[in-house]
Amino acid sequence: AGLFKPGDRITKSGIYSVTHEGKHAETQEVTCVAGKKFPACDECGDGAQFVLVRHARHVARQDHFRS
């Protein structure tokens, strides 16, 4: 339920933990923005998996920064 793969639409902006198939890269944290799609990895393609670590609202969606 909380696991996303490349091509899935990002529904919540925030920090995501990403792991890679074949372990060619360490687990890392990345920022993903709602409305876009999770990207494929240049090395393992659709083998990357994303898990939301911490939701963060985009600054443009905050009342104090809408101008």
N, C-alpha and C. Protein backbone atom coordinates (compact mmCIF):
# COMPACT_ATOMS: atom_id res chain seq x y z
N ALA A 1 0.83 -1.20 0.00
CA ALA A 1 0.00 0.00 0.00
C ALA A 1 0.86 1.26 0.00
N GLY A 2 2.01 1.24 0.72
CA GLY A 2 2.85 2.41 0.78
C GLY A 2 4.08 2.31 -0.10
N LEU A 3 4.10 1.35 -1.02
CA LEU A 3 5.25 1.11 -1.88
C LEU A 3 4.91 1.58 -3.30
N PHE A 4 5.78 2.42 -3.87
CA PHE A 4 5.54 2.97 -5.20
C PHE A 4 6.67 2.58 -6.13
N LYS A 5 6.36 2.53 -7.42
CA LYS A 5 7.36 2.15 -8.42
C LYS A 5 7.40 3.21 -9.52
N PRO A 6 8.46 3.22 -10.32
CA PRO A 6 8.55 4.16 -11.42
C PRO A 6 7.30 4.12 -12.31
N GLY A 7 6.83 5.30 -12.67
CA GLY A 7 5.62 5.39 -13.49
C GLY A 7 4.38 5.68 -12.68
N ASP A 8 4.38 5.33 -11.38
CA ASP A 8 3.24 5.64 -10.52
C ASP A 8 3.16 7.16 -10.33
N ARG A 9 1.94 7.69 -10.25
CA ARG A 9 1.76 9.12 -10.01
C ARG A 9 2.03 9.42 -8.54
N ILE A 10 2.77 10.48 -8.30
CA ILE A 10 3.08 10.92 -6.93
C ILE A 10 1.86 11.69 -6.41
N THR A 11 1.27 11.21 -5.34
CA THR A 11 0.07 11.86 -4.79
C THR A 11 0.39 12.77 -3.62
N LYS A 12 1.53 12.57 -2.97
CA LYS A 12 1.94 13.41 -1.84
C LYS A 12 3.38 13.85 -2.02
N SER A 13 3.59 15.17 -2.00
CA SER A 13 4.97 15.68 -2.03
C SER A 13 5.65 15.32 -0.72
N GLY A 14 6.94 15.07 -0.78
CA GLY A 14 7.68 14.80 0.45
C GLY A 14 9.00 14.10 0.19
N ILE A 15 9.53 13.58 1.27
CA ILE A 15 10.79 12.84 1.24
C ILE A 15 10.46 11.36 1.14
N TYR A 16 11.05 10.70 0.15
CA TYR A 16 10.84 9.27 -0.07
C TYR A 16 12.16 8.53 0.06
N SER A 17 12.10 7.34 0.63
CA SER A 17 13.25 6.44 0.66
C SER A 17 13.16 5.60 -0.61
N VAL A 18 14.28 5.50 -1.33
CA VAL A 18 14.29 4.72 -2.56
C VAL A 18 15.35 3.63 -2.48
N THR A 19 14.93 2.41 -2.82
CA THR A 19 15.85 1.28 -2.89
C THR A 19 15.93 0.82 -4.35
N HIS A 20 17.03 0.15 -4.68
CA HIS A 20 17.27 -0.24 -6.06
C HIS A 20 17.41 -1.75 -6.18
N GLU A 21 16.83 -2.30 -7.24
CA GLU A 21 16.95 -3.72 -7.54
C GLU A 21 18.42 -4.03 -7.84
N GLY A 22 18.90 -5.11 -7.31
CA GLY A 22 20.29 -5.50 -7.54
C GLY A 22 21.27 -4.79 -6.64
N LYS A 23 20.77 -3.89 -5.80
CA LYS A 23 21.59 -3.20 -4.80
C LYS A 23 22.80 -2.50 -5.39
N HIS A 24 22.68 -1.96 -6.61
CA HIS A 24 23.79 -1.24 -7.23
C HIS A 24 24.01 0.13 -6.60
N ALA A 25 23.03 0.57 -5.78
CA ALA A 25 23.14 1.86 -5.09
C ALA A 25 22.59 1.71 -3.68
N GLU A 26 23.13 2.49 -2.75
CA GLU A 26 22.64 2.49 -1.38
C GLU A 26 21.22 3.05 -1.34
N THR A 27 20.47 2.67 -0.31
CA THR A 27 19.17 3.29 -0.09
C THR A 27 19.41 4.78 0.14
N GLN A 28 18.58 5.61 -0.47
CA GLN A 28 18.76 7.06 -0.35
C GLN A 28 17.41 7.73 -0.15
N GLU A 29 17.44 8.97 0.33
CA GLU A 29 16.23 9.75 0.47
C GLU A 29 16.21 10.82 -0.61
N VAL A 30 15.05 10.96 -1.26
CA VAL A 30 14.89 11.92 -2.35
C VAL A 30 13.59 12.70 -2.15
N THR A 31 13.53 13.89 -2.76
CA THR A 31 12.32 14.70 -2.73
C THR A 31 11.51 14.41 -3.98
N CYS A 32 10.22 14.13 -3.80
CA CYS A 32 9.32 13.89 -4.92
C CYS A 32 8.13 14.83 -4.79
N VAL A 33 7.66 15.37 -5.93
CA VAL A 33 6.62 16.39 -5.94
C VAL A 33 5.31 15.82 -6.48
N ALA A 34 4.22 16.06 -5.75
CA ALA A 34 2.89 15.59 -6.15
C ALA A 34 2.54 16.07 -7.55
N GLY A 35 1.85 15.20 -8.29
CA GLY A 35 1.42 15.53 -9.64
C GLY A 35 2.36 15.00 -10.71
N LYS A 36 3.59 14.70 -10.33
CA LYS A 36 4.55 14.13 -11.27
C LYS A 36 4.51 12.61 -11.14
N LYS A 37 5.37 11.91 -11.88
CA LYS A 37 5.47 10.45 -11.77
C LYS A 37 6.83 10.10 -11.18
N PHE A 38 6.86 8.97 -10.43
CA PHE A 38 8.13 8.48 -9.92
C PHE A 38 9.00 8.10 -11.11
N PRO A 39 10.27 8.52 -11.10
CA PRO A 39 11.15 8.25 -12.25
C PRO A 39 11.75 6.85 -12.22
N ALA A 40 12.12 6.38 -13.39
CA ALA A 40 12.87 5.12 -13.49
C ALA A 40 14.33 5.41 -13.18
N CYS A 41 15.03 4.41 -12.68
CA CYS A 41 16.46 4.52 -12.41
C CYS A 41 17.23 4.30 -13.71
N ASP A 42 18.29 5.07 -13.91
CA ASP A 42 19.11 4.92 -15.12
C ASP A 42 19.75 3.53 -15.21
N GLU A 43 19.94 2.89 -14.04
CA GLU A 43 20.62 1.59 -14.04
C GLU A 43 19.67 0.40 -13.92
N CYS A 44 18.73 0.44 -12.97
CA CYS A 44 17.85 -0.72 -12.77
C CYS A 44 16.43 -0.48 -13.31
N GLY A 45 16.22 0.64 -13.99
CA GLY A 45 14.93 0.90 -14.63
C GLY A 45 13.77 0.94 -13.67
N ASP A 46 12.81 0.05 -13.89
CA ASP A 46 11.62 -0.01 -13.04
C ASP A 46 11.86 -0.79 -11.75
N GLY A 47 13.11 -1.15 -11.48
CA GLY A 47 13.45 -1.89 -10.27
C GLY A 47 13.57 -1.03 -9.03
N ALA A 48 13.45 0.28 -9.19
CA ALA A 48 13.49 1.17 -8.02
C ALA A 48 12.15 1.12 -7.30
N GLN A 49 12.19 1.26 -5.97
CA GLN A 49 10.98 1.29 -5.17
C GLN A 49 11.04 2.47 -4.21
N PHE A 50 9.91 3.18 -4.09
CA PHE A 50 9.83 4.39 -3.29
C PHE A 50 8.85 4.20 -2.14
N VAL A 51 9.22 4.69 -0.95
CA VAL A 51 8.35 4.66 0.22
C VAL A 51 8.37 6.05 0.84
N LEU A 52 7.18 6.59 1.14
CA LEU A 52 7.09 7.90 1.76
C LEU A 52 7.65 7.86 3.17
N VAL A 53 8.62 8.73 3.45
CA VAL A 53 9.22 8.84 4.78
C VAL A 53 8.54 9.96 5.55
N ARG A 54 8.39 11.12 4.86
CA ARG A 54 7.82 12.29 5.52
C ARG A 54 7.11 13.16 4.49
N HIS A 55 5.81 13.38 4.69
CA HIS A 55 5.02 14.24 3.81
C HIS A 55 5.41 15.69 4.06
N ALA A 56 5.52 16.48 3.00
CA ALA A 56 5.80 17.90 3.11
C ALA A 56 5.01 18.62 2.02
N ARG A 57 4.21 19.58 2.42
CA ARG A 57 3.43 20.33 1.45
C ARG A 57 4.34 21.27 0.66
N HIS A 58 4.13 21.36 -0.65
CA HIS A 58 4.92 22.24 -1.52
C HIS A 58 4.70 23.68 -1.07
N VAL A 59 5.73 24.50 -1.09
CA VAL A 59 5.66 25.88 -0.62
C VAL A 59 4.58 26.67 -1.36
N ALA A 60 4.36 26.39 -2.62
CA ALA A 60 3.35 27.11 -3.39
C ALA A 60 1.93 26.81 -2.91
N ARG A 61 1.76 25.77 -2.11
CA ARG A 61 0.45 25.41 -1.59
C ARG A 61 0.21 25.95 -0.18
N GLN A 62 1.16 26.67 0.37
CA GLN A 62 1.04 27.29 1.69
C GLN A 62 0.39 28.66 1.54
N ASP A 63 -0.56 28.99 2.40
CA ASP A 63 -1.27 30.27 2.32
C ASP A 63 -0.35 31.48 2.33
N HIS A 64 0.73 31.42 3.07
CA HIS A 64 1.63 32.57 3.23
C HIS A 64 2.53 32.81 2.02
N PHE A 65 2.55 31.88 1.07
CA PHE A 65 3.47 31.99 -0.07
C PHE A 65 2.78 31.86 -1.41
N ARG A 66 1.55 32.24 -1.52
CA ARG A 66 0.77 32.05 -2.76
C ARG A 66 0.88 33.20 -3.75
N SER A 67 1.57 34.27 -3.42
CA SER A 67 1.59 35.45 -4.31
C SER A 67 2.41 35.27 -5.55
